[in-house]
PDB file of N, CA and C in Angstrom:
ATOM      1  N   UNK A   1      -2.826  30.203 -24.097  1.00  0.00           N
ATOM      2  CA  UNK A   1      -3.848  29.306 -24.581  1.00  0.00           C
ATOM      3  C   UNK A   1      -5.108  30.128 -24.845  1.00  0.00           C
ATOM      4  N   UNK A   2      -5.770  29.883 -25.944  1.00  0.00           N
ATOM      5  CA  UNK A   2      -7.007  30.618 -26.216  1.00  0.00           C
ATOM      6  C   UNK A   2      -8.056  30.357 -25.135  1.00  0.00           C
ATOM      7  N   UNK A   3      -8.852  31.365 -24.852  1.00  0.00           N
ATOM      8  CA  UNK A   3      -9.834  31.269 -23.770  1.00  0.00           C
ATOM      9  C   UNK A   3     -10.835  30.149 -23.995  1.00  0.00           C
ATOM     10  N   UNK A   4     -11.238  29.922 -25.236  1.00  0.00           N
ATOM     11  CA  UNK A   4     -12.236  28.880 -25.500  1.00  0.00           C
ATOM     12  C   UNK A   4     -11.663  27.490 -25.212  1.00  0.00           C
ATOM     13  N   UNK A   5     -10.388  27.296 -25.517  1.00  0.00           N
ATOM     14  CA  UNK A   5      -9.749  26.003 -25.229  1.00  0.00           C
ATOM     15  C   UNK A   5      -9.577  25.832 -23.720  1.00  0.00           C
ATOM     16  N   UNK A   6      -9.120  26.878 -23.039  1.00  0.00           N
ATOM     17  CA  UNK A   6      -8.929  26.808 -21.585  1.00  0.00           C
ATOM     18  C   UNK A   6     -10.247  26.534 -20.879  1.00  0.00           C
ATOM     19  N   UNK A   7     -11.326  27.194 -21.331  1.00  0.00           N
ATOM     20  CA  UNK A   7     -12.636  26.991 -20.694  1.00  0.00           C
ATOM     21  C   UNK A   7     -13.166  25.579 -20.967  1.00  0.00           C
ATOM     22  N   UNK A   8     -12.919  25.052 -22.163  1.00  0.00           N
ATOM     23  CA  UNK A   8     -13.353  23.690 -22.486  1.00  0.00           C
ATOM     24  C   UNK A   8     -12.631  22.667 -21.616  1.00  0.00           C
ATOM     25  N   UNK A   9     -11.340  22.858 -21.426  1.00  0.00           N
ATOM     26  CA  UNK A   9     -10.567  21.963 -20.563  1.00  0.00           C
ATOM     27  C   UNK A   9     -11.051  22.077 -19.124  1.00  0.00           C
ATOM     28  N   UNK A  10     -11.358  23.274 -18.694  1.00  0.00           N
ATOM     29  CA  UNK A  10     -11.860  23.491 -17.334  1.00  0.00           C
ATOM     30  C   UNK A  10     -13.191  22.779 -17.114  1.00  0.00           C
ATOM     31  N   UNK A  11     -14.079  22.842 -18.081  1.00  0.00           N
ATOM     32  CA  UNK A  11     -15.377  22.164 -17.964  1.00  0.00           C
ATOM     33  C   UNK A  11     -15.176  20.653 -17.868  1.00  0.00           C
ATOM     34  N   UNK A  12     -14.305  20.108 -18.715  1.00  0.00           N
ATOM     35  CA  UNK A  12     -14.040  18.664 -18.686  1.00  0.00           C
ATOM     36  C   UNK A  12     -13.415  18.236 -17.362  1.00  0.00           C
ATOM     37  N   UNK A  13     -12.484  19.032 -16.841  1.00  0.00           N
ATOM     38  CA  UNK A  13     -11.835  18.650 -15.587  1.00  0.00           C
ATOM     39  C   UNK A  13     -12.797  18.756 -14.408  1.00  0.00           C
ATOM     40  N   UNK A  14     -13.695  19.727 -14.441  1.00  0.00           N
ATOM     41  CA  UNK A  14     -14.687  19.851 -13.367  1.00  0.00           C
ATOM     42  C   UNK A  14     -15.672  18.686 -13.377  1.00  0.00           C
ATOM     43  N   UNK A  15     -15.999  18.182 -14.556  1.00  0.00           N
ATOM     44  CA  UNK A  15     -16.948  17.077 -14.667  1.00  0.00           C
ATOM     45  C   UNK A  15     -16.301  15.734 -14.346  1.00  0.00           C
ATOM     46  N   UNK A  16     -14.985  15.650 -14.459  1.00  0.00           N
ATOM     47  CA  UNK A  16     -14.294  14.367 -14.279  1.00  0.00           C
ATOM     48  C   UNK A  16     -14.473  13.763 -12.907  1.00  0.00           C
ATOM     49  N   UNK A  17     -14.331  14.545 -11.847  1.00  0.00           N
ATOM     50  CA  UNK A  17     -14.461  14.015 -10.495  1.00  0.00           C
ATOM     51  C   UNK A  17     -15.876  13.539 -10.231  1.00  0.00           C
ATOM     52  N   UNK A  18     -16.852  14.300 -10.667  1.00  0.00           N
ATOM     53  CA  UNK A  18     -18.241  13.887 -10.484  1.00  0.00           C
ATOM     54  C   UNK A  18     -18.557  12.591 -11.196  1.00  0.00           C
ATOM     55  N   UNK A  19     -18.047  12.446 -12.392  1.00  0.00           N
ATOM     56  CA  UNK A  19     -18.276  11.208 -13.143  1.00  0.00           C
ATOM     57  C   UNK A  19     -17.571  10.024 -12.489  1.00  0.00           C
ATOM     58  N   UNK A  20     -16.389  10.259 -11.960  1.00  0.00           N
ATOM     59  CA  UNK A  20     -15.673   9.185 -11.268  1.00  0.00           C
ATOM     60  C   UNK A  20     -16.439   8.748 -10.024  1.00  0.00           C
ATOM     61  N   UNK A  21     -16.971   9.702  -9.274  1.00  0.00           N
ATOM     62  CA  UNK A  21     -17.747   9.355  -8.080  1.00  0.00           C
ATOM     63  C   UNK A  21     -19.041   8.645  -8.465  1.00  0.00           C
ATOM     64  N   UNK A  22     -19.663   9.054  -9.550  1.00  0.00           N
ATOM     65  CA  UNK A  22     -20.858   8.374 -10.034  1.00  0.00           C
ATOM     66  C   UNK A  22     -20.535   6.940 -10.420  1.00  0.00           C
ATOM     67  N   UNK A  23     -19.401   6.742 -11.102  1.00  0.00           N
ATOM     68  CA  UNK A  23     -18.975   5.402 -11.496  1.00  0.00           C
ATOM     69  C   UNK A  23     -18.735   4.521 -10.284  1.00  0.00           C
ATOM     70  N   UNK A  24     -18.086   5.069  -9.253  1.00  0.00           N
ATOM     71  CA  UNK A  24     -17.853   4.312  -8.024  1.00  0.00           C
ATOM     72  C   UNK A  24     -19.168   3.957  -7.348  1.00  0.00           C
ATOM     73  N   UNK A  25     -20.076   4.910  -7.257  1.00  0.00           N
ATOM     74  CA  UNK A  25     -21.371   4.657  -6.642  1.00  0.00           C
ATOM     75  C   UNK A  25     -22.160   3.597  -7.383  1.00  0.00           C
ATOM     76  N   UNK A  26     -22.150   3.658  -8.702  1.00  0.00           N
ATOM     77  CA  UNK A  26     -22.853   2.668  -9.514  1.00  0.00           C
ATOM     78  C   UNK A  26     -22.236   1.285  -9.328  1.00  0.00           C
ATOM     79  N   UNK A  27     -20.919   1.222  -9.316  1.00  0.00           N
ATOM     80  CA  UNK A  27     -20.234  -0.058  -9.110  1.00  0.00           C
ATOM     81  C   UNK A  27     -20.592  -0.647  -7.750  1.00  0.00           C
ATOM     82  N   UNK A  28     -20.550   0.190  -6.706  1.00  0.00           N
ATOM     83  CA  UNK A  28     -20.875  -0.303  -5.358  1.00  0.00           C
ATOM     84  C   UNK A  28     -22.332  -0.727  -5.246  1.00  0.00           C
ATOM     85  N   UNK A  29     -23.227  -0.012  -5.926  1.00  0.00           N
ATOM     86  CA  UNK A  29     -24.651  -0.356  -5.873  1.00  0.00           C
ATOM     87  C   UNK A  29     -24.927  -1.702  -6.533  1.00  0.00           C
ATOM     88  N   UNK A  30     -24.128  -2.077  -7.507  1.00  0.00           N
ATOM     89  CA  UNK A  30     -24.332  -3.341  -8.204  1.00  0.00           C
ATOM     90  C   UNK A  30     -23.704  -4.532  -7.488  1.00  0.00           C
ATOM     91  N   UNK A  31     -22.959  -4.289  -6.426  1.00  0.00           N
ATOM     92  CA  UNK A  31     -22.319  -5.375  -5.683  1.00  0.00           C
ATOM     93  C   UNK A  31     -23.321  -6.011  -4.719  1.00  0.00           C
ATOM     94  N   UNK A  32     -23.249  -7.321  -4.529  1.00  0.00           N
ATOM     95  CA  UNK A  32     -24.191  -7.971  -3.605  1.00  0.00           C
ATOM     96  C   UNK A  32     -23.912  -7.662  -2.134  1.00  0.00           C
ATOM     97  N   UNK A  33     -22.663  -7.307  -1.797  1.00  0.00           N
ATOM     98  CA  UNK A  33     -22.311  -7.001  -0.413  1.00  0.00           C
ATOM     99  C   UNK A  33     -21.700  -5.606  -0.349  1.00  0.00           C
ATOM    100  N   UNK A  34     -21.754  -4.994   0.833  1.00  0.00           N
ATOM    101  CA  UNK A  34     -21.169  -3.666   1.002  1.00  0.00           C
ATOM    102  C   UNK A  34     -19.657  -3.740   0.853  1.00  0.00           C
ATOM    103  N   UNK A  35     -19.054  -4.746   1.484  1.00  0.00           N
ATOM    104  CA  UNK A  35     -17.609  -4.963   1.329  1.00  0.00           C
ATOM    105  C   UNK A  35     -17.452  -5.959   0.185  1.00  0.00           C
ATOM    106  N   UNK A  36     -17.209  -5.431  -0.998  1.00  0.00           N
ATOM    107  CA  UNK A  36     -17.249  -6.237  -2.221  1.00  0.00           C
ATOM    108  C   UNK A  36     -16.172  -7.307  -2.279  1.00  0.00           C
ATOM    109  N   UNK A  37     -15.035  -7.087  -1.636  1.00  0.00           N
ATOM    110  CA  UNK A  37     -13.918  -8.016  -1.769  1.00  0.00           C
ATOM    111  C   UNK A  37     -13.791  -8.975  -0.589  1.00  0.00           C
ATOM    112  N   UNK A  38     -14.628  -8.840   0.423  1.00  0.00           N
ATOM    113  CA  UNK A  38     -14.540  -9.697   1.602  1.00  0.00           C
ATOM    114  C   UNK A  38     -13.830  -8.996   2.745  1.00  0.00           C
ATOM    115  N   UNK A  39     -14.150  -9.412   3.958  1.00  0.00           N
ATOM    116  CA  UNK A  39     -13.607  -8.760   5.154  1.00  0.00           C
ATOM    117  C   UNK A  39     -12.092  -8.915   5.282  1.00  0.00           C
ATOM    118  N   UNK A  40     -11.575 -10.096   4.978  1.00  0.00           N
ATOM    119  CA  UNK A  40     -10.139 -10.353   5.135  1.00  0.00           C
ATOM    120  C   UNK A  40      -9.324  -9.503   4.176  1.00  0.00           C
ATOM    121  N   UNK A  41      -9.726  -9.493   2.919  1.00  0.00           N
ATOM    122  CA  UNK A  41      -8.996  -8.722   1.916  1.00  0.00           C
ATOM    123  C   UNK A  41      -9.106  -7.227   2.210  1.00  0.00           C
ATOM    124  N   UNK A  42     -10.291  -6.780   2.635  1.00  0.00           N
ATOM    125  CA  UNK A  42     -10.476  -5.362   2.961  1.00  0.00           C
ATOM    126  C   UNK A  42      -9.601  -4.955   4.147  1.00  0.00           C
ATOM    127  N   UNK A  43      -9.547  -5.794   5.183  1.00  0.00           N
ATOM    128  CA  UNK A  43      -8.705  -5.495   6.341  1.00  0.00           C
ATOM    129  C   UNK A  43      -7.230  -5.456   5.951  1.00  0.00           C
ATOM    130  N   UNK A  44      -6.819  -6.406   5.130  1.00  0.00           N
ATOM    131  CA  UNK A  44      -5.434  -6.451   4.672  1.00  0.00           C
ATOM    132  C   UNK A  44      -5.100  -5.211   3.842  1.00  0.00           C
ATOM    133  N   UNK A  45      -6.015  -4.819   2.946  1.00  0.00           N
ATOM    134  CA  UNK A  45      -5.783  -3.639   2.107  1.00  0.00           C
ATOM    135  C   UNK A  45      -5.679  -2.368   2.955  1.00  0.00           C
ATOM    136  N   UNK A  46      -6.536  -2.250   3.973  1.00  0.00           N
ATOM    137  CA  UNK A  46      -6.485  -1.065   4.841  1.00  0.00           C
ATOM    138  C   UNK A  46      -5.183  -1.047   5.658  1.00  0.00           C
ATOM    139  N   UNK A  47      -4.759  -2.221   6.134  1.00  0.00           N
ATOM    140  CA  UNK A  47      -3.512  -2.300   6.895  1.00  0.00           C
ATOM    141  C   UNK A  47      -2.323  -1.927   6.011  1.00  0.00           C
ATOM    142  N   UNK A  48      -2.303  -2.442   4.809  1.00  0.00           N
ATOM    143  CA  UNK A  48      -1.224  -2.116   3.876  1.00  0.00           C
ATOM    144  C   UNK A  48      -1.195  -0.616   3.610  1.00  0.00           C
ATOM    145  N   UNK A  49      -2.367  -0.050   3.357  1.00  0.00           N
ATOM    146  CA  UNK A  49      -2.409   1.372   3.012  1.00  0.00           C
ATOM    147  C   UNK A  49      -2.012   2.270   4.179  1.00  0.00           C
ATOM    148  N   UNK A  50      -2.561   2.010   5.351  1.00  0.00           N
ATOM    149  CA  UNK A  50      -2.376   2.932   6.463  1.00  0.00           C
ATOM    150  C   UNK A  50      -1.151   2.632   7.331  1.00  0.00           C
ATOM    151  N   UNK A  51      -0.540   1.468   7.192  1.00  0.00           N
ATOM    152  CA  UNK A  51       0.675   1.165   7.952  1.00  0.00           C
ATOM    153  C   UNK A  51       1.915   1.157   7.056  1.00  0.00           C
ATOM    154  N   UNK A  52       1.818   0.425   5.962  1.00  0.00           N
ATOM    155  CA  UNK A  52       2.973   0.318   5.077  1.00  0.00           C
ATOM    156  C   UNK A  52       3.216   1.610   4.295  1.00  0.00           C
ATOM    157  N   UNK A  53       2.148   2.278   3.884  1.00  0.00           N
ATOM    158  CA  UNK A  53       2.288   3.528   3.127  1.00  0.00           C
ATOM    159  C   UNK A  53       3.098   4.579   3.863  1.00  0.00           C
ATOM    160  N   UNK A  54       2.726   4.926   5.107  1.00  0.00           N
ATOM    161  CA  UNK A  54       3.528   5.897   5.848  1.00  0.00           C
ATOM    162  C   UNK A  54       4.956   5.408   6.136  1.00  0.00           C
ATOM    163  N   UNK A  55       5.128   4.103   6.336  1.00  0.00           N
ATOM    164  CA  UNK A  55       6.477   3.584   6.592  1.00  0.00           C
ATOM    165  C   UNK A  55       7.360   3.746   5.357  1.00  0.00           C
ATOM    166  N   UNK A  56       6.825   3.410   4.188  1.00  0.00           N
ATOM    167  CA  UNK A  56       7.582   3.573   2.941  1.00  0.00           C
ATOM    168  C   UNK A  56       7.865   5.055   2.690  1.00  0.00           C
ATOM    169  N   UNK A  57       6.882   5.894   2.980  1.00  0.00           N
ATOM    170  CA  UNK A  57       7.092   7.339   2.804  1.00  0.00           C
ATOM    171  C   UNK A  57       8.183   7.851   3.731  1.00  0.00           C
ATOM    172  N   UNK A  58       8.211   7.350   4.964  1.00  0.00           N
ATOM    173  CA  UNK A  58       9.240   7.777   5.913  1.00  0.00           C
ATOM    174  C   UNK A  58      10.625   7.396   5.414  1.00  0.00           C
ATOM    175  N   UNK A  59      10.774   6.162   4.962  1.00  0.00           N
ATOM    176  CA  UNK A  59      12.083   5.708   4.471  1.00  0.00           C
ATOM    177  C   UNK A  59      12.501   6.502   3.237  1.00  0.00           C
ATOM    178  N   UNK A  60      11.570   6.663   2.281  1.00  0.00           N
ATOM    179  CA  UNK A  60      11.902   7.394   1.056  1.00  0.00           C
ATOM    180  C   UNK A  60      12.235   8.856   1.355  1.00  0.00           C
ATOM    181  N   UNK A  61      11.510   9.454   2.289  1.00  0.00           N
ATOM    182  CA  UNK A  61      11.765  10.852   2.639  1.00  0.00           C
ATOM    183  C   UNK A  61      13.121  11.024   3.313  1.00  0.00           C
ATOM    184  N   UNK A  62      13.460  10.096   4.170  1.00  0.00           N
ATOM    185  CA  UNK A  62      14.767  10.162   4.836  1.00  0.00           C
ATOM    186  C   UNK A  62      15.884   9.982   3.820  1.00  0.00           C
ATOM    187  N   UNK A  63      15.681   9.079   2.854  1.00  0.00           N
ATOM    188  CA  UNK A  63      16.693   8.847   1.822  1.00  0.00           C
ATOM    189  C   UNK A  63      16.956  10.114   1.011  1.00  0.00           C
ATOM    190  N   UNK A  64      15.881  10.864   0.693  1.00  0.00           N
ATOM    191  CA  UNK A  64      16.084  12.079  -0.103  1.00  0.00           C
ATOM    192  C   UNK A  64      16.451  13.285   0.744  1.00  0.00           C
ATOM    193  N   UNK A  65      16.508  13.117   2.050  1.00  0.00           N
ATOM    194  CA  UNK A  65      17.017  14.180   2.904  1.00  0.00           C
ATOM    195  C   UNK A  65      15.987  15.004   3.655  1.00  0.00           C
ATOM    196  N   UNK A  66      14.733  14.599   3.671  1.00  0.00           N
ATOM    197  CA  UNK A  66      13.738  15.343   4.451  1.00  0.00           C
ATOM    198  C   UNK A  66      13.944  15.069   5.929  1.00  0.00           C
ATOM    199  N   UNK A  67      13.861  16.105   6.719  1.00  0.00           N
ATOM    200  CA  UNK A  67      14.006  15.980   8.172  1.00  0.00           C
ATOM    201  C   UNK A  67      13.004  16.910   8.843  1.00  0.00           C
ATOM    202  N   UNK A  68      12.757  16.696  10.106  1.00  0.00           N
ATOM    203  CA  UNK A  68      11.935  17.591  10.908  1.00  0.00           C
ATOM    204  C   UNK A  68      10.479  17.617  10.500  1.00  0.00           C
ATOM    205  N   UNK A  69       9.937  18.814  10.444  1.00  0.00           N
ATOM    206  CA  UNK A  69       8.504  18.993  10.176  1.00  0.00           C
ATOM    207  C   UNK A  69       8.128  18.497   8.784  1.00  0.00           C
ATOM    208  N   UNK A  70       8.993  18.715   7.791  1.00  0.00           N
ATOM    209  CA  UNK A  70       8.680  18.238   6.434  1.00  0.00           C
ATOM    210  C   UNK A  70       8.557  16.719   6.388  1.00  0.00           C
ATOM    211  N   UNK A  71       9.398  16.022   7.116  1.00  0.00           N
ATOM    212  CA  UNK A  71       9.300  14.564   7.195  1.00  0.00           C
ATOM    213  C   UNK A  71       7.987  14.160   7.839  1.00  0.00           C
ATOM    214  N   UNK A  72       7.607  14.826   8.907  1.00  0.00           N
ATOM    215  CA  UNK A  72       6.356  14.507   9.587  1.00  0.00           C
ATOM    216  C   UNK A  72       5.153  14.773   8.693  1.00  0.00           C
ATOM    217  N   UNK A  73       5.191  15.862   7.954  1.00  0.00           N
ATOM    218  CA  UNK A  73       4.091  16.175   7.035  1.00  0.00           C
ATOM    219  C   UNK A  73       3.987  15.126   5.936  1.00  0.00           C
ATOM    220  N   UNK A  74       5.108  14.677   5.414  1.00  0.00           N
ATOM    221  CA  UNK A  74       5.103  13.642   4.373  1.00  0.00           C
ATOM    222  C   UNK A  74       4.485  12.352   4.902  1.00  0.00           C
ATOM    223  N   UNK A  75       4.789  11.992   6.138  1.00  0.00           N
ATOM    224  CA  UNK A  75       4.232  10.765   6.728  1.00  0.00           C
ATOM    225  C   UNK A  75       2.728  10.905   6.918  1.00  0.00           C
ATOM    226  N   UNK A  76       2.275  12.059   7.415  1.00  0.00           N
ATOM    227  CA  UNK A  76       0.834  12.278   7.605  1.00  0.00           C
ATOM    228  C   UNK A  76       0.125  12.255   6.256  1.00  0.00           C
ATOM    229  N   UNK A  77       0.712  12.838   5.232  1.00  0.00           N
ATOM    230  CA  UNK A  77       0.081  12.827   3.915  1.00  0.00           C
ATOM    231  C   UNK A  77      -0.009  11.420   3.343  1.00  0.00           C
ATOM    232  N   UNK A  78       0.938  10.565   3.675  1.00  0.00           N
ATOM    233  CA  UNK A  78       0.881   9.181   3.210  1.00  0.00           C
ATOM    234  C   UNK A  78      -0.248   8.419   3.884  1.00  0.00           C
ATOM    235  N   UNK A  79      -0.712   8.905   5.031  1.00  0.00           N
ATOM    236  CA  UNK A  79      -1.809   8.246   5.729  1.00  0.00           C
ATOM    237  C   UNK A  79      -3.175   8.742   5.274  1.00  0.00           C
ATOM    238  N   UNK A  80      -3.217   9.713   4.386  1.00  0.00           N
ATOM    239  CA  UNK A  80      -4.493  10.212   3.883  1.00  0.00           C
ATOM    240  C   UNK A  80      -5.132   9.174   2.966  1.00  0.00           C
ATOM    241  N   UNK A  81      -6.455   9.235   2.791  1.00  0.00           N
ATOM    242  CA  UNK A  81      -7.111   8.220   1.954  1.00  0.00           C
ATOM    243  C   UNK A  81      -6.729   8.351   0.490  1.00  0.00           C
ATOM    244  N   UNK A  82      -6.842   7.242  -0.208  1.00  0.00           N
ATOM    245  CA  UNK A  82      -6.513   7.262  -1.631  1.00  0.00           C
ATOM    246  C   UNK A  82      -7.615   7.980  -2.397  1.00  0.00           C
ATOM    247  N   UNK A  83      -7.255   8.470  -3.551  1.00  0.00           N
ATOM    248  CA  UNK A  83      -8.212   9.178  -4.387  1.00  0.00           C
ATOM    249  C   UNK A  83      -9.111   8.216  -5.143  1.00  0.00           C
ATOM    250  N   UNK A  84     -10.014   8.783  -5.883  1.00  0.00           N
ATOM    251  CA  UNK A  84     -10.983   7.976  -6.615  1.00  0.00           C
ATOM    252  C   UNK A  84     -10.466   7.576  -7.992  1.00  0.00           C
ATOM    253  N   UNK A  85      -9.457   8.279  -8.487  1.00  0.00           N
ATOM    254  CA  UNK A  85      -8.942   7.997  -9.827  1.00  0.00           C
ATOM    255  C   UNK A  85      -8.356   6.588  -9.953  1.00  0.00           C
ATOM    256  N   UNK A  86      -7.637   6.060  -8.942  1.00  0.00           N
ATOM    257  CA  UNK A  86      -7.174   4.666  -9.082  1.00  0.00           C
ATOM    258  C   UNK A  86      -8.316   3.672  -9.289  1.00  0.00           C
ATOM    259  N   UNK A  87      -9.489   3.951  -8.680  1.00  0.00           N
ATOM    260  CA  UNK A  87     -10.637   3.071  -8.922  1.00  0.00           C
ATOM    261  C   UNK A  87     -11.065   3.137 -10.379  1.00  0.00           C
ATOM    262  N   UNK A  88     -11.067   4.319 -10.960  1.00  0.00           N
ATOM    263  CA  UNK A  88     -11.481   4.469 -12.363  1.00  0.00           C
ATOM    264  C   UNK A  88     -10.570   3.640 -13.263  1.00  0.00           C
ATOM    265  N   UNK A  89      -9.263   3.703 -13.021  1.00  0.00           N
ATOM    266  CA  UNK A  89      -8.332   2.909 -13.829  1.00  0.00           C
ATOM    267  C   UNK A  89      -8.505   1.412 -13.567  1.00  0.00           C
ATOM    268  N   UNK A  90      -8.732   1.031 -12.305  1.00  0.00           N
ATOM    269  CA  UNK A  90      -8.935  -0.386 -11.990  1.00  0.00           C
ATOM    270  C   UNK A  90     -10.191  -0.912 -12.680  1.00  0.00           C
ATOM    271  N   UNK A  91     -11.229  -0.122 -12.710  1.00  0.00           N
ATOM    272  CA  UNK A  91     -12.476  -0.520 -13.375  1.00  0.00           C
ATOM    273  C   UNK A  91     -12.277  -0.595 -14.879  1.00  0.00           C
ATOM    274  N   UNK A  92     -11.585   0.392 -15.432  1.00  0.00           N
ATOM    275  CA  UNK A  92     -11.366   0.429 -16.881  1.00  0.00           C
ATOM    276  C   UNK A  92     -10.567  -0.781 -17.358  1.00  0.00           C
ATOM    277  N   UNK A  93      -9.528  -1.159 -16.608  1.00  0.00           N
ATOM    278  CA  UNK A  93      -8.667  -2.263 -17.024  1.00  0.00           C
ATOM    279  C   UNK A  93      -8.981  -3.569 -16.303  1.00  0.00           C
ATOM    280  N   UNK A  94     -10.057  -3.580 -15.521  1.00  0.00           N
ATOM    281  CA  UNK A  94     -10.542  -4.769 -14.819  1.00  0.00           C
ATOM    282  C   UNK A  94      -9.451  -5.414 -13.962  1.00  0.00           C
ATOM    283  N   UNK A  95      -8.795  -4.595 -13.145  1.00  0.00           N
ATOM    284  CA  UNK A  95      -7.753  -5.054 -12.246  1.00  0.00           C
ATOM    285  C   UNK A  95      -8.227  -4.819 -10.806  1.00  0.00           C
ATOM    286  N   UNK A  96      -8.900  -5.781 -10.248  1.00  0.00           N
ATOM    287  CA  UNK A  96      -9.406  -5.751  -8.871  1.00  0.00           C
ATOM    288  C   UNK A  96     -10.189  -4.478  -8.522  1.00  0.00           C
ATOM    289  N   UNK A  97     -11.218  -4.128  -9.292  1.00  0.00           N
ATOM    290  CA  UNK A  97     -11.989  -2.936  -8.929  1.00  0.00           C
ATOM    291  C   UNK A  97     -12.748  -3.104  -7.617  1.00  0.00           C
ATOM    292  N   UNK A  98     -13.044  -4.356  -7.239  1.00  0.00           N
ATOM    293  CA  UNK A  98     -13.740  -4.579  -5.969  1.00  0.00           C
ATOM    294  C   UNK A  98     -12.876  -4.180  -4.778  1.00  0.00           C
ATOM    295  N   UNK A  99     -11.592  -4.487  -4.828  1.00  0.00           N
ATOM    296  CA  UNK A  99     -10.688  -4.103  -3.741  1.00  0.00           C
ATOM    297  C   UNK A  99     -10.515  -2.590  -3.705  1.00  0.00           C
ATOM    298  N   UNK A 100     -10.362  -1.975  -4.873  1.00  0.00           N
ATOM    299  CA  UNK A 100     -10.183  -0.525  -4.925  1.00  0.00           C
ATOM    300  C   UNK A 100     -11.434   0.210  -4.469  1.00  0.00           C
ATOM    301  N   UNK A 101     -12.605  -0.277  -4.847  1.00  0.00           N
ATOM    302  CA  UNK A 101     -13.836   0.400  -4.423  1.00  0.00           C
ATOM    303  C   UNK A 101     -13.996   0.321  -2.910  1.00  0.00           C
ATOM    304  N   UNK A 102     -13.701  -0.829  -2.344  1.00  0.00           N
ATOM    305  CA  UNK A 102     -13.759  -0.966  -0.885  1.00  0.00           C
ATOM    306  C   UNK A 102     -12.710  -0.076  -0.233  1.00  0.00           C
ATOM    307  N   UNK A 103     -11.518  -0.031  -0.825  1.00  0.00           N
ATOM    308  CA  UNK A 103     -10.454   0.811  -0.286  1.00  0.00           C
ATOM    309  C   UNK A 103     -10.809   2.285  -0.296  1.00  0.00           C
ATOM    310  N   UNK A 104     -11.452   2.737  -1.353  1.00  0.00           N
ATOM    311  CA  UNK A 104     -11.827   4.148  -1.443  1.00  0.00           C
ATOM    312  C   UNK A 104     -12.898   4.478  -0.411  1.00  0.00           C
ATOM    313  N   UNK A 105     -13.946   3.660  -0.349  1.00  0.00           N
ATOM    314  CA  UNK A 105     -15.070   3.948   0.547  1.00  0.00           C
ATOM    315  C   UNK A 105     -14.640   3.860   2.014  1.00  0.00           C
ATOM    316  N   UNK A 106     -14.076   2.726   2.405  1.00  0.00           N
ATOM    317  CA  UNK A 106     -13.725   2.556   3.816  1.00  0.00           C
ATOM    318  C   UNK A 106     -12.464   3.330   4.192  1.00  0.00           C
ATOM    319  N   UNK A 107     -11.597   3.575   3.216  1.00  0.00           N
ATOM    320  CA  UNK A 107     -10.434   4.405   3.478  1.00  0.00           C
ATOM    321  C   UNK A 107     -10.834   5.814   3.867  1.00  0.00           C
ATOM    322  N   UNK A 108     -11.869   6.336   3.219  1.00  0.00           N
ATOM    323  CA  UNK A 108     -12.357   7.666   3.571  1.00  0.00           C
ATOM    324  C   UNK A 108     -13.001   7.683   4.953  1.00  0.00           C
ATOM    325  N   UNK A 109     -13.656   6.594   5.314  1.00  0.00           N
ATOM    326  CA  UNK A 109     -14.327   6.535   6.612  1.00  0.00           C
ATOM    327  C   UNK A 109     -13.345   6.460   7.777  1.00  0.00           C
ATOM    328  N   UNK A 110     -12.271   5.696   7.611  1.00  0.00           N
ATOM    329  CA  UNK A 110     -11.348   5.512   8.734  1.00  0.00           C
ATOM    330  C   UNK A 110     -10.111   6.403   8.654  1.00  0.00           C
ATOM    331  N   UNK A 111     -10.012   7.208   7.602  1.00  0.00           N
ATOM    332  CA  UNK A 111      -8.816   8.041   7.426  1.00  0.00           C
ATOM    333  C   UNK A 111      -8.699   9.129   8.483  1.00  0.00           C
ATOM    334  N   UNK A 112      -9.803   9.722   8.884  1.00  0.00           N
ATOM    335  CA  UNK A 112      -9.722  10.822   9.845  1.00  0.00           C
ATOM    336  C   UNK A 112      -9.129  10.374  11.179  1.00  0.00           C
ATOM    337  N   UNK A 113      -9.642   9.322  11.815  1.00  0.00           N
ATOM    338  CA  UNK A 113      -9.013   8.926  13.077  1.00  0.00           C
ATOM    339  C   UNK A 113      -7.563   8.468  12.918  1.00  0.00           C
ATOM    340  N   UNK A 114      -7.258   7.784  11.841  1.00  0.00           N
ATOM    341  CA  UNK A 114      -5.894   7.305  11.639  1.00  0.00           C
ATOM    342  C   UNK A 114      -4.954   8.476  11.384  1.00  0.00           C
ATOM    343  N   UNK A 115      -5.391   9.433  10.586  1.00  0.00           N
ATOM    344  CA  UNK A 115      -4.564  10.612  10.324  1.00  0.00           C
ATOM    345  C   UNK A 115      -4.346  11.407  11.603  1.00  0.00           C
ATOM    346  N   UNK A 116      -5.372  11.516  12.429  1.00  0.00           N
ATOM    347  CA  UNK A 116      -5.220  12.218  13.709  1.00  0.00           C
ATOM    348  C   UNK A 116      -4.220  11.511  14.619  1.00  0.00           C
ATOM    349  N   UNK A 117      -4.231  10.186  14.611  1.00  0.00           N
ATOM    350  CA  UNK A 117      -3.276   9.422  15.422  1.00  0.00           C
ATOM    351  C   UNK A 117      -1.856   9.702  14.948  1.00  0.00           C
ATOM    352  N   UNK A 118      -1.627   9.660  13.626  1.00  0.00           N
ATOM    353  CA  UNK A 118      -0.298   9.985  13.101  1.00  0.00           C
ATOM    354  C   UNK A 118       0.082  11.412  13.450  1.00  0.00           C
ATOM    355  N   UNK A 119      -0.867  12.321  13.338  1.00  0.00           N
ATOM    356  CA  UNK A 119      -0.624  13.737  13.654  1.00  0.00           C
ATOM    357  C   UNK A 119      -0.189  13.907  15.098  1.00  0.00           C
ATOM    358  N   UNK A 120      -0.871  13.227  16.003  1.00  0.00           N
ATOM    359  CA  UNK A 120      -0.546  13.333  17.434  1.00  0.00           C
ATOM    360  C   UNK A 120       0.791  12.645  17.731  1.00  0.00           C
ATOM    361  N   UNK A 121       1.011  11.453  17.164  1.00  0.00           N
ATOM    362  CA  UNK A 121       2.259  10.721  17.429  1.00  0.00           C
ATOM    363  C   UNK A 121       3.487  11.484  16.914  1.00  0.00           C
ATOM    364  N   UNK A 122       3.330  12.189  15.798  1.00  0.00           N
ATOM    365  CA  UNK A 122       4.453  12.917  15.231  1.00  0.00           C
ATOM    366  C   UNK A 122       4.615  14.312  15.840  1.00  0.00           C
ATOM    367  N   UNK A 123       3.667  14.706  16.671  1.00  0.00           N
ATOM    368  CA  UNK A 123       3.784  15.977  17.382  1.00  0.00           C
ATOM    369  C   UNK A 123       3.664  17.207  16.513  1.00  0.00           C
ATOM    370  N   UNK A 124       2.825  17.130  15.493  1.00  0.00           N
ATOM    371  CA  UNK A 124       2.649  18.309  14.615  1.00  0.00           C
ATOM    372  C   UNK A 124       1.688  19.314  15.197  1.00  0.00           C
TER     373      UNK A 124
END
């Protein structure tokens, strides 16, 4: 690939995350409440993400043949917080951006203790 094209793509990709975070911040600032979707929906979304996600990952990993440490790593990775890109798509297509914004913000806040619990329970 020519250097000018590679550098242009690199500049765009470096700016993408910052713009996504700016978009999330602007969206959250315009909401009347910190938890934009309500406490019940936010709690349900966090439970789904941090309980069901690792369970589905465990089943899928076992089906494809992962065992031992690789299985444990896959489960811990499923407990990590979601990225910001799903919020960008939810905002663009107007598909529950309030739930995704709450999920991104609070998912990042509670991900460390939850990931540590999975890490300790799996004995990594």
